[in-house]
Protein backbone atom coordinates (compact mmCIF):
# COMPACT_ATOMS: atom_id res chain seq x y z
CA MET A 1 -24.14 41.26 71.47
CA SER A 2 -22.68 38.50 69.29
CA VAL A 3 -24.97 37.68 66.22
CA GLU A 4 -26.20 34.03 67.75
CA THR A 5 -27.02 36.19 71.04
CA GLU A 6 -29.24 38.52 68.60
CA ILE A 7 -31.01 35.53 66.91
CA LYS A 8 -31.77 33.93 70.37
CA LEU A 9 -33.54 36.94 71.61
CA LEU A 10 -35.35 38.06 68.55
CA ASN A 11 -36.80 34.39 68.53
CA SER A 12 -37.88 34.95 72.10
CA TYR A 13 -39.60 38.27 71.24
CA LEU A 14 -41.35 36.75 68.09
CA LYS A 15 -42.24 33.33 70.28
CA GLU A 16 -43.58 36.05 72.91
CA LEU A 17 -45.86 38.25 70.20
CA ASN A 18 -46.71 34.09 68.86
CA LEU A 19 -45.20 35.09 65.38
CA ALA A 20 -44.37 31.22 64.79
CA THR A 21 -43.99 31.71 60.81
CA PHE A 22 -41.38 34.43 61.32
CA ILE A 23 -39.56 32.22 63.90
CA ARG A 24 -39.10 29.63 61.14
CA ASN A 25 -38.33 31.97 57.76
CA HIS A 26 -36.71 35.12 59.18
CA GLU A 27 -32.91 33.58 58.88
CA SER A 28 -33.65 31.97 55.51
CA TYR A 29 -35.65 34.73 54.03
CA ALA A 30 -32.83 37.96 55.43
CA ILE A 31 -30.16 35.50 53.40
CA ASP A 32 -32.39 35.68 50.34
CA ALA A 33 -32.94 39.42 50.80
CA VAL A 34 -28.78 39.87 51.17
CA ARG A 35 -28.43 37.98 48.08
CA GLU A 36 -31.36 39.73 45.93
CA LYS A 37 -30.27 43.09 47.52
CA HIS A 38 -34.31 43.53 48.91
CA THR A 39 -34.75 46.34 50.92
CA HIS A 40 -35.76 45.90 54.98
CA SER A 41 -39.37 46.54 54.02
CA ARG A 42 -39.54 43.98 51.08
CA TYR A 43 -37.95 41.78 53.79
CA LEU A 44 -40.30 42.25 56.27
CA LEU A 45 -43.26 42.37 53.83
CA ALA A 46 -42.30 39.07 52.62
CA LEU A 47 -42.05 37.78 56.76
CA ALA A 48 -45.49 39.26 57.12
CA GLY A 49 -46.93 37.84 54.34
CA GLN A 50 -46.17 34.34 55.02
CA GLU A 51 -47.33 34.96 58.53
CA LEU A 52 -50.72 35.80 57.38
CA SER A 53 -50.77 32.98 54.91
CA GLN A 54 -50.03 30.48 57.44
CA ARG A 55 -52.34 32.07 59.82
CA ASP A 56 -55.42 31.71 57.22
CA ALA A 57 -54.26 28.18 56.70
CA ASN A 58 -54.52 27.13 60.44
CA ARG A 59 -57.75 28.75 60.91
CA ARG A 60 -59.04 26.79 57.89
CA GLN A 61 -57.69 23.73 59.03
CA ARG A 62 -59.52 24.40 62.81
CA ARG A 63 -62.59 25.24 61.10
CA LEU A 64 -62.60 21.58 59.46
CA LYS A 65 -61.63 19.73 63.09
CA GLU A 66 -64.25 21.78 64.70
CA ALA A 67 -67.07 20.91 62.29
CA LYS A 68 -66.47 17.17 63.34
CA LEU A 69 -67.28 15.89 59.52
CA PRO A 70 -67.33 11.97 59.01
CA THR A 71 -64.75 12.39 56.12
CA ILE A 72 -63.77 15.11 53.94
CA LYS A 73 -65.44 14.94 50.26
CA GLU A 74 -64.26 16.99 47.57
CA LEU A 75 -66.90 18.24 44.81
CA ASN A 76 -63.89 17.44 42.42
CA ASP A 77 -64.28 13.84 43.18
CA PHE A 78 -67.91 13.69 42.77
CA ASP A 79 -68.87 11.84 39.45
CA PHE A 80 -71.96 14.26 38.46
CA SER A 81 -72.03 12.44 34.77
CA GLN A 82 -73.51 9.57 36.78
CA ILE A 83 -76.84 11.64 37.90
CA PRO A 84 -77.38 13.67 34.64
CA SER A 85 -80.37 15.37 36.53
CA LEU A 86 -78.40 17.21 38.74
CA ASN A 87 -77.43 20.64 38.13
CA GLN A 88 -73.76 20.80 38.75
CA GLN A 89 -73.36 24.76 38.12
CA GLN A 90 -76.02 24.82 40.47
CA ILE A 91 -74.03 22.78 43.27
CA LEU A 92 -70.78 24.59 42.10
CA GLN A 93 -72.70 28.04 42.73
CA LEU A 94 -73.76 27.27 46.12
CA ALA A 95 -70.04 26.27 47.10
CA GLN A 96 -69.21 30.10 46.33
CA GLY A 97 -71.29 30.54 49.49
CA ASP A 98 -73.89 33.49 49.23
CA TYR A 99 -76.35 31.14 50.55
CA ILE A 100 -74.88 31.53 54.12
CA GLN A 101 -74.83 35.05 54.15
CA LYS A 102 -78.47 34.71 53.41
CA ALA A 103 -79.27 31.89 55.67
CA GLU A 104 -80.88 30.01 52.86
CA PRO A 105 -81.12 26.17 53.56
CA ILE A 106 -80.44 23.59 51.57
CA ILE A 107 -82.18 20.33 51.20
CA LEU A 108 -80.63 17.22 49.40
CA VAL A 109 -83.80 14.85 48.38
CA GLY A 110 -83.08 11.28 47.17
CA ASN A 111 -82.84 7.82 47.51
CA PRO A 112 -79.69 6.31 49.16
CA GLY A 113 -76.68 5.97 47.65
CA LEU A 114 -76.80 9.02 45.25
CA GLY A 115 -74.21 11.28 46.53
CA LYS A 116 -76.29 13.32 48.73
CA SER A 117 -74.04 13.32 51.65
CA HIS A 118 -71.01 13.60 49.46
CA ILE A 119 -72.30 16.89 47.88
CA ALA A 120 -73.72 18.23 51.69
CA ILE A 121 -69.83 17.55 53.00
CA SER A 122 -68.24 18.85 49.96
CA LEU A 123 -70.10 22.04 50.82
CA ALA A 124 -69.58 22.14 54.27
CA VAL A 125 -65.78 21.73 53.35
CA ALA A 126 -65.99 24.73 51.07
CA ALA A 127 -67.74 26.54 53.84
CA CYS A 128 -64.94 25.60 56.07
CA ARG A 129 -62.39 26.91 54.00
CA GLN A 130 -63.98 30.32 53.51
CA GLN A 131 -63.51 30.33 57.54
CA HIS A 132 -67.26 30.19 58.60
CA ARG A 133 -67.96 27.80 61.60
CA VAL A 134 -69.88 25.00 60.48
CA ARG A 135 -71.35 21.89 62.49
CA PHE A 136 -72.18 18.40 61.44
CA TYR A 137 -74.69 16.39 62.67
CA ASN A 138 -76.16 12.75 62.13
CA THR A 139 -79.83 14.03 62.51
CA ALA A 140 -80.98 10.90 64.68
CA ALA A 141 -77.77 11.43 67.03
CA LEU A 142 -78.82 15.18 67.07
CA VAL A 143 -82.02 14.45 68.37
CA ASN A 144 -80.25 12.13 71.12
CA GLU A 145 -78.20 15.02 72.12
CA LEU A 146 -81.07 17.32 72.23
CA ILE A 147 -83.15 14.81 74.47
CA LEU A 148 -80.09 14.76 76.60
CA ALA A 149 -79.88 18.43 76.55
CA GLN A 150 -83.25 18.96 77.88
CA GLN A 151 -82.97 16.43 80.52
CA GLU A 152 -79.91 17.75 81.78
CA GLN A 153 -81.57 21.65 81.69
CA ARG A 154 -79.05 22.90 79.17
CA LEU A 155 -81.29 22.76 75.89
CA THR A 156 -81.21 26.88 75.62
CA LYS A 157 -77.37 26.64 75.99
CA PHE A 158 -77.13 23.81 73.69
CA ILE A 159 -79.40 25.49 70.89
CA ASP A 160 -77.14 28.94 72.06
CA ALA A 161 -74.07 27.23 70.91
CA ALA A 162 -75.49 26.33 67.66
CA LEU A 163 -76.40 29.82 66.47
CA ARG A 164 -72.92 30.72 67.02
CA HIS A 165 -72.37 28.91 64.02
CA LYS A 166 -72.59 29.93 60.28
CA LEU A 167 -73.97 26.65 58.67
CA ILE A 168 -75.36 23.37 60.45
CA LEU A 169 -75.39 20.30 58.35
CA LEU A 170 -78.27 17.58 59.05
CA ASP A 171 -77.54 14.31 57.59
CA GLU A 172 -79.55 11.60 57.05
CA LEU A 173 -83.08 12.83 58.36
CA GLY A 174 -85.73 10.32 57.71
CA PHE A 175 -83.94 6.98 58.07
CA ILE A 176 -85.14 6.52 61.90
CA PRO A 177 -88.79 7.66 63.20
CA PHE A 178 -88.61 10.08 66.13
CA SER A 179 -90.39 9.73 69.51
CA SER A 180 -92.65 12.61 70.22
CA THR A 181 -90.22 14.11 72.58
CA GLY A 182 -87.25 14.12 69.44
CA ALA A 183 -89.67 15.53 67.24
CA GLN A 184 -90.87 18.55 69.16
CA LEU A 185 -86.93 19.35 70.05
CA LEU A 186 -85.95 18.86 66.48
CA PHE A 187 -88.90 21.36 65.56
CA GLN A 188 -87.37 23.73 68.29
CA PHE A 189 -83.82 23.46 67.16
CA CYS A 190 -84.70 24.21 63.47
CA SER A 191 -86.70 27.08 64.29
CA ALA A 192 -84.50 28.56 66.30
CA LEU A 193 -81.82 28.74 63.73
CA TYR A 194 -84.30 29.74 60.97
CA GLU A 195 -83.60 32.92 58.97
CA ARG A 196 -80.30 32.82 61.07
CA VAL A 197 -78.31 29.94 60.45
CA PRO A 198 -78.55 28.09 57.10
CA MET A 199 -78.85 24.41 57.28
CA ILE A 200 -78.05 22.22 54.62
CA ILE A 201 -80.20 18.73 55.15
CA THR A 202 -80.03 15.35 53.36
CA THR A 203 -83.35 12.97 53.51
CA ASN A 204 -84.25 9.99 51.31
CA LEU A 205 -87.63 11.20 52.38
CA LYS A 206 -90.03 13.11 50.22
CA PHE A 207 -91.53 16.13 52.03
CA ALA A 208 -94.99 14.29 51.89
CA ASP A 209 -93.36 11.35 53.79
CA TRP A 210 -92.09 13.57 56.56
CA PRO A 211 -95.24 13.15 58.72
CA GLN A 212 -94.02 9.34 59.17
CA VAL A 213 -90.79 10.14 60.72
CA PHE A 214 -92.13 12.97 62.96
CA GLY A 215 -95.24 11.42 63.69
CA ASP A 216 -97.19 14.59 63.87
CA GLU A 217 -98.70 16.48 60.91
CA ARG A 218 -99.06 19.72 62.09
CA LEU A 219 -95.73 19.90 63.70
CA THR A 220 -94.19 18.46 60.15
CA LEU A 221 -95.94 20.83 58.21
CA ALA A 222 -94.71 23.84 60.13
CA LEU A 223 -91.22 22.48 60.05
CA LEU A 224 -91.45 22.15 56.30
CA ASP A 225 -92.84 25.47 56.25
CA ARG A 226 -89.64 27.17 58.04
CA LEU A 227 -87.01 24.75 56.05
CA THR A 228 -88.54 25.24 52.72
CA HIS A 229 -88.90 28.97 53.03
CA LYS A 230 -86.00 30.25 50.34
CA ALA A 231 -84.46 26.93 50.01
CA HIS A 232 -82.45 25.88 47.51
CA ILE A 233 -84.33 22.22 46.62
CA ILE A 234 -82.12 19.54 45.21
CA GLU A 235 -83.38 16.10 44.12
CA PHE A 236 -81.04 13.27 43.25
CA THR A 237 -82.79 10.71 41.07
CA GLY A 238 -81.06 7.33 39.73
CA GLN A 239 -79.60 4.61 40.53
CA SER A 240 -77.53 3.97 43.84
CA TYR A 241 -73.92 4.77 43.11
CA ARG A 242 -73.01 1.41 45.64
CA PHE A 243 -75.47 -0.85 44.03
CA ARG A 244 -73.94 -0.18 40.36
CA GLN A 245 -70.55 -0.77 42.09
CA ARG A 246 -71.84 -3.89 43.49
CA THR A 247 -73.59 -4.82 39.86
CA GLN A 248 -69.83 -3.83 38.18
CA HIS A 249 -68.06 -6.00 40.61
CA ALA A 250 -70.62 -8.87 39.92
CA ASP A 251 -70.46 -8.98 36.47
CA ALA A 252 -66.70 -9.17 36.21
CA GLN A 253 -66.52 -11.69 38.06
CA LEU A 254 -68.69 -13.53 36.03
CA PRO A 255 -67.24 -15.69 32.93
CA SER A 256 -67.23 -14.37 30.05
CA THR A 257 -68.91 -15.91 26.72
CA HIS A 258 -65.81 -17.24 25.31
CA ASN A 259 -64.70 -18.89 28.30
CA LEU A 260 -67.78 -20.38 28.53
CA ASP A 261 -68.28 -22.07 24.95
CA ASP A 262 -64.39 -23.52 25.71
CA SER A 263 -65.79 -25.30 28.38
CA ALA A 264 -68.93 -26.68 26.59
CA SER A 265 -66.62 -27.93 23.82
């Protein structure tokens, strides 16, 4: 059997075994092994290690895709100096993922434009890279999905699917008031996840204002009782990042005092 035939047959076997990285690398690794006088076991070890590394990378990428994040945000890109009251060390510690194993919620509270969604998505990205199953929802869109699922008699299936995740992110709770049905379904959804799947929630509302969105004080208190139990509650205070950017841009467009003096003369 010729070398070319052997390689062709080997590649067919590797393809059957779903060893795509072996197929890409075995010839070049063999050349290196001969040149460096490596043992057969070291050659195979290098190939197997590369295969596992690539599979890990593929799984992390797949987790990111399945999470349906609106964008990819990194903690390294967040300017903590703009919100001095924010505990950077706490955020970095949460990114390690211990809260996921303990099913501890994270609630990010503060006015719009302070970076709550950035931090929430960054934590979700970190969880995906730890190979956890994550799912992002805009809260208003989730409520609509829950209502539709109930109408189509697949609410139990929908919630069961959520329970198969390791982390659920609910973004922008509080921007749109819920109908009575929507509020009850969101309560049911969150109650099902309680102490089983941790949630990251971003909201522009103080807890005292949540009844305005849910329209039922007793239901809201029951929900808050579950969500805040063992929760990491992080408050964002300061001036909107986007507002600061607009202000800086507007200031940059203004003529300098020196130019005004020149014009006056």
